[in-house]
């Protein structure tokens, strides 16, 4: 690890999804990580492509999108430096659930499932570390799913708007999504999302345009996002 302390991948591993791993497993992941450089508009992988690689973003921004049943592109998220994605593929390779495209020049580091398995055959003692790492991630994902199911809609919606406004590459405090797309994000109907946004607009918390939402009172929205109940 000492020889690689100046590389971006070590910083990503020390602060991201792999941070709870043992030092030995971190060393292995750093050794196996391979950099990919993407130009603006370049696709890292397409929805339904076979996937076996965990990725960490070292620089730039990546858009996650999918095609709806009627062929429309739905933008799900934009991730930036420090974000990690594709972790399930590291443990269980399978079809990608979204298309990932660079919205600006970007650099990502990838760790392949096949490379990890080959290394574990040589160092089987690290297998326990991998199982523990997978367990931690499954618990985290379970909590995210629980929040999605049980948190009231206004809280989920406020959290998602703040998240998207913080890293979507648009003007500060602006989200360029339709109300239907926001509804997709939070697992709700368009009608219920529209009613909530209408209340917030009336209260001066947000402003709405055609396919655009602008935050006017961020502190108010943060209070809603941090609430336990509405």
C-alpha atoms as a PDB file:
ATOM      1  CA  UNK A   1       0.000   0.000   0.000  1.00  0.00           C
ATOM      2  CA  UNK A   2       2.848   2.397   0.785  1.00  0.00           C
ATOM      3  CA  UNK A   3       3.923   2.481  -2.842  1.00  0.00           C
ATOM      4  CA  UNK A   4       0.440   3.522  -3.961  1.00  0.00           C
ATOM      5  CA  UNK A   5      -0.416   6.171  -1.377  1.00  0.00           C
ATOM      6  CA  UNK A   6      -0.300   8.929  -3.957  1.00  0.00           C
ATOM      7  CA  UNK A   7      -2.801   7.233  -6.298  1.00  0.00           C
ATOM      8  CA  UNK A   8      -6.483   8.267  -6.394  1.00  0.00           C
ATOM      9  CA  UNK A   9      -7.659   4.695  -5.939  1.00  0.00           C
ATOM     10  CA  UNK A  10      -6.246   4.481  -2.398  1.00  0.00           C
ATOM     11  CA  UNK A  11      -8.182   7.570  -1.359  1.00  0.00           C
ATOM     12  CA  UNK A  12     -11.371   6.078  -2.801  1.00  0.00           C
ATOM     13  CA  UNK A  13     -10.875   2.773  -1.021  1.00  0.00           C
ATOM     14  CA  UNK A  14     -10.009   4.384   2.310  1.00  0.00           C
ATOM     15  CA  UNK A  15     -13.129   6.581   2.303  1.00  0.00           C
ATOM     16  CA  UNK A  16     -15.755   4.598   0.423  1.00  0.00           C
ATOM     17  CA  UNK A  17     -17.604   1.285   0.438  1.00  0.00           C
ATOM     18  CA  UNK A  18     -14.369  -0.659   1.029  1.00  0.00           C
ATOM     19  CA  UNK A  19     -13.259   1.417   4.022  1.00  0.00           C
ATOM     20  CA  UNK A  20     -14.337  -1.165   6.665  1.00  0.00           C
ATOM     21  CA  UNK A  21     -12.252  -3.880   4.980  1.00  0.00           C
ATOM     22  CA  UNK A  22      -9.055  -5.188   6.562  1.00  0.00           C
ATOM     23  CA  UNK A  23      -5.760  -3.615   5.516  1.00  0.00           C
ATOM     24  CA  UNK A  24      -4.828  -6.830   3.699  1.00  0.00           C
ATOM     25  CA  UNK A  25      -8.027  -6.772   1.638  1.00  0.00           C
ATOM     26  CA  UNK A  26      -7.579  -3.056   0.888  1.00  0.00           C
ATOM     27  CA  UNK A  27      -4.052  -3.778  -0.342  1.00  0.00           C
ATOM     28  CA  UNK A  28      -5.451  -6.448  -2.641  1.00  0.00           C
ATOM     29  CA  UNK A  29      -8.151  -4.162  -4.030  1.00  0.00           C
ATOM     30  CA  UNK A  30      -5.628  -1.404  -4.712  1.00  0.00           C
ATOM     31  CA  UNK A  31      -3.406  -3.889  -6.501  1.00  0.00           C
ATOM     32  CA  UNK A  32      -6.286  -5.115  -8.689  1.00  0.00           C
ATOM     33  CA  UNK A  33      -7.821  -1.711  -9.527  1.00  0.00           C
ATOM     34  CA  UNK A  34      -7.554  -0.574 -13.151  1.00  0.00           C
ATOM     35  CA  UNK A  35      -8.187   2.986 -14.348  1.00  0.00           C
ATOM     36  CA  UNK A  36     -10.495   3.871 -17.246  1.00  0.00           C
ATOM     37  CA  UNK A  37     -10.610   7.387 -18.700  1.00  0.00           C
ATOM     38  CA  UNK A  38     -13.870   8.541 -20.304  1.00  0.00           C
ATOM     39  CA  UNK A  39     -14.489  11.468 -22.635  1.00  0.00           C
ATOM     40  CA  UNK A  40     -17.651  13.564 -22.273  1.00  0.00           C
ATOM     41  CA  UNK A  41     -20.560  11.562 -23.670  1.00  0.00           C
ATOM     42  CA  UNK A  42     -18.695   8.247 -23.595  1.00  0.00           C
ATOM     43  CA  UNK A  43     -20.629   5.253 -22.260  1.00  0.00           C
ATOM     44  CA  UNK A  44     -19.009   3.111 -19.561  1.00  0.00           C
ATOM     45  CA  UNK A  45     -21.608   0.367 -19.953  1.00  0.00           C
ATOM     46  CA  UNK A  46     -25.149  -0.067 -21.247  1.00  0.00           C
ATOM     47  CA  UNK A  47     -28.261  -1.294 -19.479  1.00  0.00           C
ATOM     48  CA  UNK A  48     -28.401  -5.144 -19.644  1.00  0.00           C
ATOM     49  CA  UNK A  49     -24.686  -5.446 -20.472  1.00  0.00           C
ATOM     50  CA  UNK A  50     -23.005  -8.232 -18.489  1.00  0.00           C
ATOM     51  CA  UNK A  51     -21.385  -6.748 -15.399  1.00  0.00           C
ATOM     52  CA  UNK A  52     -18.646  -8.028 -13.118  1.00  0.00           C
ATOM     53  CA  UNK A  53     -16.858  -4.839 -12.060  1.00  0.00           C
ATOM     54  CA  UNK A  54     -17.116  -2.497  -9.096  1.00  0.00           C
ATOM     55  CA  UNK A  55     -16.278   1.106 -10.014  1.00  0.00           C
ATOM     56  CA  UNK A  56     -15.130   4.164  -8.056  1.00  0.00           C
ATOM     57  CA  UNK A  57     -15.183   7.654  -9.556  1.00  0.00           C
ATOM     58  CA  UNK A  58     -11.838   9.443  -9.225  1.00  0.00           C
ATOM     59  CA  UNK A  59     -12.873  12.568 -11.148  1.00  0.00           C
ATOM     60  CA  UNK A  60     -15.658  13.905 -13.347  1.00  0.00           C
ATOM     61  CA  UNK A  61     -19.349  12.992 -13.318  1.00  0.00           C
ATOM     62  CA  UNK A  62     -21.372   9.997 -14.531  1.00  0.00           C
ATOM     63  CA  UNK A  63     -25.079   9.889 -15.381  1.00  0.00           C
ATOM     64  CA  UNK A  64     -27.130   6.774 -14.608  1.00  0.00           C
ATOM     65  CA  UNK A  65     -30.133   6.260 -16.874  1.00  0.00           C
ATOM     66  CA  UNK A  66     -32.488   3.612 -18.176  1.00  0.00           C
ATOM     67  CA  UNK A  67     -35.104   3.234 -20.872  1.00  0.00           C
ATOM     68  CA  UNK A  68     -38.754   3.186 -19.824  1.00  0.00           C
ATOM     69  CA  UNK A  69     -41.253   0.724 -21.297  1.00  0.00           C
ATOM     70  CA  UNK A  70     -42.233   3.307 -23.926  1.00  0.00           C
ATOM     71  CA  UNK A  71     -38.611   3.896 -24.956  1.00  0.00           C
ATOM     72  CA  UNK A  72     -38.041   7.165 -23.083  1.00  0.00           C
ATOM     73  CA  UNK A  73     -34.718   7.782 -21.387  1.00  0.00           C
ATOM     74  CA  UNK A  74     -35.058   8.283 -17.637  1.00  0.00           C
ATOM     75  CA  UNK A  75     -32.146   9.910 -15.840  1.00  0.00           C
ATOM     76  CA  UNK A  76     -31.861   8.240 -12.444  1.00  0.00           C
ATOM     77  CA  UNK A  77     -28.853   9.886 -10.905  1.00  0.00           C
ATOM     78  CA  UNK A  78     -25.590  11.735 -11.432  1.00  0.00           C
ATOM     79  CA  UNK A  79     -22.578  10.659  -9.358  1.00  0.00           C
ATOM     80  CA  UNK A  80     -19.303  12.485  -8.860  1.00  0.00           C
ATOM     81  CA  UNK A  81     -15.862  12.043  -7.332  1.00  0.00           C
ATOM     82  CA  UNK A  82     -15.784   9.559  -4.466  1.00  0.00           C
ATOM     83  CA  UNK A  83     -18.941   7.681  -5.447  1.00  0.00           C
ATOM     84  CA  UNK A  84     -18.814   3.893  -5.772  1.00  0.00           C
ATOM     85  CA  UNK A  85     -21.221   1.810  -7.840  1.00  0.00           C
ATOM     86  CA  UNK A  86     -21.604  -1.697  -9.230  1.00  0.00           C
ATOM     87  CA  UNK A  87     -20.665  -3.318  -5.927  1.00  0.00           C
ATOM     88  CA  UNK A  88     -23.150  -6.181  -6.366  1.00  0.00           C
ATOM     89  CA  UNK A  89     -21.331  -7.188  -9.564  1.00  0.00           C
ATOM     90  CA  UNK A  90     -18.153  -7.619  -7.522  1.00  0.00           C
ATOM     91  CA  UNK A  91     -19.829 -10.393  -5.524  1.00  0.00           C
ATOM     92  CA  UNK A  92     -22.407 -11.693  -8.034  1.00  0.00           C
ATOM     93  CA  UNK A  93     -21.890 -10.779 -11.724  1.00  0.00           C
ATOM     94  CA  UNK A  94     -25.068 -10.161 -13.718  1.00  0.00           C
ATOM     95  CA  UNK A  95     -26.817  -7.784 -16.157  1.00  0.00           C
ATOM     96  CA  UNK A  96     -26.346  -4.067 -15.553  1.00  0.00           C
ATOM     97  CA  UNK A  97     -29.548  -2.348 -14.439  1.00  0.00           C
ATOM     98  CA  UNK A  98     -28.734   1.045 -15.979  1.00  0.00           C
ATOM     99  CA  UNK A  99     -26.634   2.802 -18.599  1.00  0.00           C
ATOM    100  CA  UNK A 100     -23.712   4.881 -17.295  1.00  0.00           C
ATOM    101  CA  UNK A 101     -22.475   7.826 -19.363  1.00  0.00           C
ATOM    102  CA  UNK A 102     -19.812  10.448 -18.624  1.00  0.00           C
ATOM    103  CA  UNK A 103     -21.343  13.941 -18.556  1.00  0.00           C
ATOM    104  CA  UNK A 104     -17.854  15.445 -18.505  1.00  0.00           C
ATOM    105  CA  UNK A 105     -14.298  14.078 -18.851  1.00  0.00           C
ATOM    106  CA  UNK A 106     -14.036  11.449 -16.125  1.00  0.00           C
ATOM    107  CA  UNK A 107     -11.762   8.846 -14.572  1.00  0.00           C
ATOM    108  CA  UNK A 108     -12.966   5.672 -12.874  1.00  0.00           C
ATOM    109  CA  UNK A 109     -11.182   2.773 -11.211  1.00  0.00           C
ATOM    110  CA  UNK A 110     -12.580  -0.730 -11.645  1.00  0.00           C
ATOM    111  CA  UNK A 111     -12.099  -3.998  -9.773  1.00  0.00           C
ATOM    112  CA  UNK A 112     -13.272  -7.156 -11.583  1.00  0.00           C
ATOM    113  CA  UNK A 113     -14.928 -10.128  -9.944  1.00  0.00           C
ATOM    114  CA  UNK A 114     -12.745 -12.578 -11.891  1.00  0.00           C
ATOM    115  CA  UNK A 115      -9.560 -10.845 -10.715  1.00  0.00           C
ATOM    116  CA  UNK A 116     -10.733 -10.927  -7.089  1.00  0.00           C
ATOM    117  CA  UNK A 117     -11.656 -14.625  -7.271  1.00  0.00           C
ATOM    118  CA  UNK A 118      -8.282 -15.479  -8.816  1.00  0.00           C
ATOM    119  CA  UNK A 119      -6.498 -13.598  -6.048  1.00  0.00           C
ATOM    120  CA  UNK A 120      -8.596 -15.294  -3.346  1.00  0.00           C
ATOM    121  CA  UNK A 121      -7.572 -18.700  -4.638  1.00  0.00           C
ATOM    122  CA  UNK A 122      -3.997 -17.703  -3.837  1.00  0.00           C
ATOM    123  CA  UNK A 123      -4.937 -15.992  -0.560  1.00  0.00           C
ATOM    124  CA  UNK A 124      -8.058 -17.834   0.673  1.00  0.00           C
ATOM    125  CA  UNK A 125      -7.770 -16.296   4.149  1.00  0.00           C
ATOM    126  CA  UNK A 126      -9.128 -13.057   2.669  1.00  0.00           C
ATOM    127  CA  UNK A 127     -12.373 -14.818   1.744  1.00  0.00           C
ATOM    128  CA  UNK A 128     -13.754 -14.209   5.236  1.00  0.00           C
ATOM    129  CA  UNK A 129     -13.059 -10.484   4.824  1.00  0.00           C
ATOM    130  CA  UNK A 130     -14.957 -10.507   1.524  1.00  0.00           C
ATOM    131  CA  UNK A 131     -17.969 -12.229   3.096  1.00  0.00           C
ATOM    132  CA  UNK A 132     -18.040  -9.703   5.942  1.00  0.00           C
ATOM    133  CA  UNK A 133     -17.763  -6.847   3.455  1.00  0.00           C
ATOM    134  CA  UNK A 134     -20.683  -8.221   1.436  1.00  0.00           C
ATOM    135  CA  UNK A 135     -22.747  -8.587   4.618  1.00  0.00           C
ATOM    136  CA  UNK A 136     -22.164  -4.973   5.619  1.00  0.00           C
ATOM    137  CA  UNK A 137     -23.195  -3.775   2.185  1.00  0.00           C
ATOM    138  CA  UNK A 138     -26.337  -5.921   2.202  1.00  0.00           C
ATOM    139  CA  UNK A 139     -27.381  -4.440   5.550  1.00  0.00           C
ATOM    140  CA  UNK A 140     -26.791  -0.936   4.199  1.00  0.00           C
ATOM    141  CA  UNK A 141     -28.873  -1.650   1.099  1.00  0.00           C
ATOM    142  CA  UNK A 142     -31.599  -3.157   3.275  1.00  0.00           C
ATOM    143  CA  UNK A 143     -31.743   0.081   5.261  1.00  0.00           C
ATOM    144  CA  UNK A 144     -32.030   2.079   2.061  1.00  0.00           C
ATOM    145  CA  UNK A 145     -34.924  -0.128   0.940  1.00  0.00           C
ATOM    146  CA  UNK A 146     -36.596   0.225   4.325  1.00  0.00           C
ATOM    147  CA  UNK A 147     -36.349   4.006   4.098  1.00  0.00           C
ATOM    148  CA  UNK A 148     -37.841   3.856   0.608  1.00  0.00           C
ATOM    149  CA  UNK A 149     -40.797   1.836   1.857  1.00  0.00           C
ATOM    150  CA  UNK A 150     -41.532   3.374   5.258  1.00  0.00           C
ATOM    151  CA  UNK A 151     -40.437   7.020   5.189  1.00  0.00           C
ATOM    152  CA  UNK A 152     -43.288   9.421   4.333  1.00  0.00           C
ATOM    153  CA  UNK A 153     -43.258  10.724   0.768  1.00  0.00           C
ATOM    154  CA  UNK A 154     -42.384  14.366   1.661  1.00  0.00           C
ATOM    155  CA  UNK A 155     -39.235  13.202   3.481  1.00  0.00           C
ATOM    156  CA  UNK A 156     -38.153  10.892   0.637  1.00  0.00           C
ATOM    157  CA  UNK A 157     -38.865  13.578  -1.940  1.00  0.00           C
ATOM    158  CA  UNK A 158     -36.993  16.299  -0.047  1.00  0.00           C
ATOM    159  CA  UNK A 159     -33.978  14.019   0.403  1.00  0.00           C
ATOM    160  CA  UNK A 160     -33.895  13.121  -3.288  1.00  0.00           C
ATOM    161  CA  UNK A 161     -34.248  16.742  -4.463  1.00  0.00           C
ATOM    162  CA  UNK A 162     -31.433  17.899  -2.186  1.00  0.00           C
ATOM    163  CA  UNK A 163     -29.237  15.030  -3.348  1.00  0.00           C
ATOM    164  CA  UNK A 164     -29.853  15.710  -7.033  1.00  0.00           C
ATOM    165  CA  UNK A 165     -29.400  19.468  -6.667  1.00  0.00           C
ATOM    166  CA  UNK A 166     -26.077  18.878  -4.943  1.00  0.00           C
ATOM    167  CA  UNK A 167     -24.423  17.016  -7.794  1.00  0.00           C
ATOM    168  CA  UNK A 168     -26.376  17.075 -11.031  1.00  0.00           C
ATOM    169  CA  UNK A 169     -24.126  19.362 -13.025  1.00  0.00           C
ATOM    170  CA  UNK A 170     -26.836  22.016 -13.415  1.00  0.00           C
ATOM    171  CA  UNK A 171     -27.118  25.456 -11.871  1.00  0.00           C
ATOM    172  CA  UNK A 172     -26.872  25.412  -8.100  1.00  0.00           C
ATOM    173  CA  UNK A 173     -30.113  24.434  -6.330  1.00  0.00           C
ATOM    174  CA  UNK A 174     -31.755  23.424  -9.608  1.00  0.00           C
ATOM    175  CA  UNK A 175     -33.018  19.993 -10.645  1.00  0.00           C
ATOM    176  CA  UNK A 176     -33.834  19.398 -14.303  1.00  0.00           C
ATOM    177  CA  UNK A 177     -36.368  16.598 -14.062  1.00  0.00           C
ATOM    178  CA  UNK A 178     -40.070  16.262 -14.744  1.00  0.00           C
ATOM    179  CA  UNK A 179     -42.476  15.492 -11.929  1.00  0.00           C
ATOM    180  CA  UNK A 180     -43.020  12.050 -13.459  1.00  0.00           C
ATOM    181  CA  UNK A 181     -39.278  11.365 -13.273  1.00  0.00           C
ATOM    182  CA  UNK A 182     -39.139  12.551  -9.663  1.00  0.00           C
ATOM    183  CA  UNK A 183     -42.021  10.192  -8.901  1.00  0.00           C
ATOM    184  CA  UNK A 184     -39.998   7.328 -10.426  1.00  0.00           C
ATOM    185  CA  UNK A 185     -37.054   8.229  -8.191  1.00  0.00           C
ATOM    186  CA  UNK A 186     -39.023   8.064  -4.935  1.00  0.00           C
ATOM    187  CA  UNK A 187     -41.358   5.190  -5.807  1.00  0.00           C
ATOM    188  CA  UNK A 188     -44.566   7.228  -5.766  1.00  0.00           C
ATOM    189  CA  UNK A 189     -47.312   8.297  -8.156  1.00  0.00           C
ATOM    190  CA  UNK A 190     -46.968  11.476 -10.185  1.00  0.00           C
ATOM    191  CA  UNK A 191     -50.159  12.805  -8.591  1.00  0.00           C
ATOM    192  CA  UNK A 192     -48.875  12.465  -5.016  1.00  0.00           C
ATOM    193  CA  UNK A 193     -45.541  14.068  -5.941  1.00  0.00           C
ATOM    194  CA  UNK A 194     -47.329  16.931  -7.716  1.00  0.00           C
ATOM    195  CA  UNK A 195     -49.493  17.607  -4.656  1.00  0.00           C
ATOM    196  CA  UNK A 196     -46.439  17.735  -2.383  1.00  0.00           C
ATOM    197  CA  UNK A 197     -44.549  20.032  -4.742  1.00  0.00           C
ATOM    198  CA  UNK A 198     -47.577  22.297  -5.055  1.00  0.00           C
ATOM    199  CA  UNK A 199     -47.641  22.744  -1.264  1.00  0.00           C
ATOM    200  CA  UNK A 200     -43.930  23.536  -1.195  1.00  0.00           C
ATOM    201  CA  UNK A 201     -44.353  26.025  -4.033  1.00  0.00           C
ATOM    202  CA  UNK A 202     -47.211  27.722  -2.181  1.00  0.00           C
ATOM    203  CA  UNK A 203     -44.993  27.975   0.903  1.00  0.00           C
ATOM    204  CA  UNK A 204     -42.166  29.509  -1.141  1.00  0.00           C
ATOM    205  CA  UNK A 205     -39.789  26.589  -0.576  1.00  0.00           C
ATOM    206  CA  UNK A 206     -39.412  25.781  -4.279  1.00  0.00           C
ATOM    207  CA  UNK A 207     -40.311  27.135  -7.675  1.00  0.00           C
ATOM    208  CA  UNK A 208     -41.448  24.987 -10.581  1.00  0.00           C
ATOM    209  CA  UNK A 209     -40.874  25.379 -14.297  1.00  0.00           C
ATOM    210  CA  UNK A 210     -41.293  23.110 -17.292  1.00  0.00           C
ATOM    211  CA  UNK A 211     -39.208  20.090 -16.376  1.00  0.00           C
ATOM    212  CA  UNK A 212     -37.286  22.158 -13.801  1.00  0.00           C
ATOM    213  CA  UNK A 213     -37.398  22.567 -10.040  1.00  0.00           C
ATOM    214  CA  UNK A 214     -35.508  25.332  -8.231  1.00  0.00           C
ATOM    215  CA  UNK A 215     -34.917  25.371  -4.475  1.00  0.00           C
ATOM    216  CA  UNK A 216     -35.698  28.765  -2.936  1.00  0.00           C
ATOM    217  CA  UNK A 217     -35.438  27.928   0.760  1.00  0.00           C
ATOM    218  CA  UNK A 218     -32.881  25.165   1.160  1.00  0.00           C
ATOM    219  CA  UNK A 219     -32.934  25.209   4.962  1.00  0.00           C
ATOM    220  CA  UNK A 220     -36.674  24.570   4.976  1.00  0.00           C
ATOM    221  CA  UNK A 221     -36.226  21.652   2.606  1.00  0.00           C
ATOM    222  CA  UNK A 222     -33.395  20.286   4.750  1.00  0.00           C
ATOM    223  CA  UNK A 223     -35.671  20.366   7.801  1.00  0.00           C
ATOM    224  CA  UNK A 224     -38.274  18.321   5.945  1.00  0.00           C
ATOM    225  CA  UNK A 225     -35.612  15.847   4.771  1.00  0.00           C
ATOM    226  CA  UNK A 226     -34.336  15.404   8.335  1.00  0.00           C
ATOM    227  CA  UNK A 227     -37.803  14.910   9.850  1.00  0.00           C
ATOM    228  CA  UNK A 228     -38.841  11.575  11.325  1.00  0.00           C
ATOM    229  CA  UNK A 229     -42.512  12.125  10.532  1.00  0.00           C
ATOM    230  CA  UNK A 230     -44.572  14.624   8.556  1.00  0.00           C
END
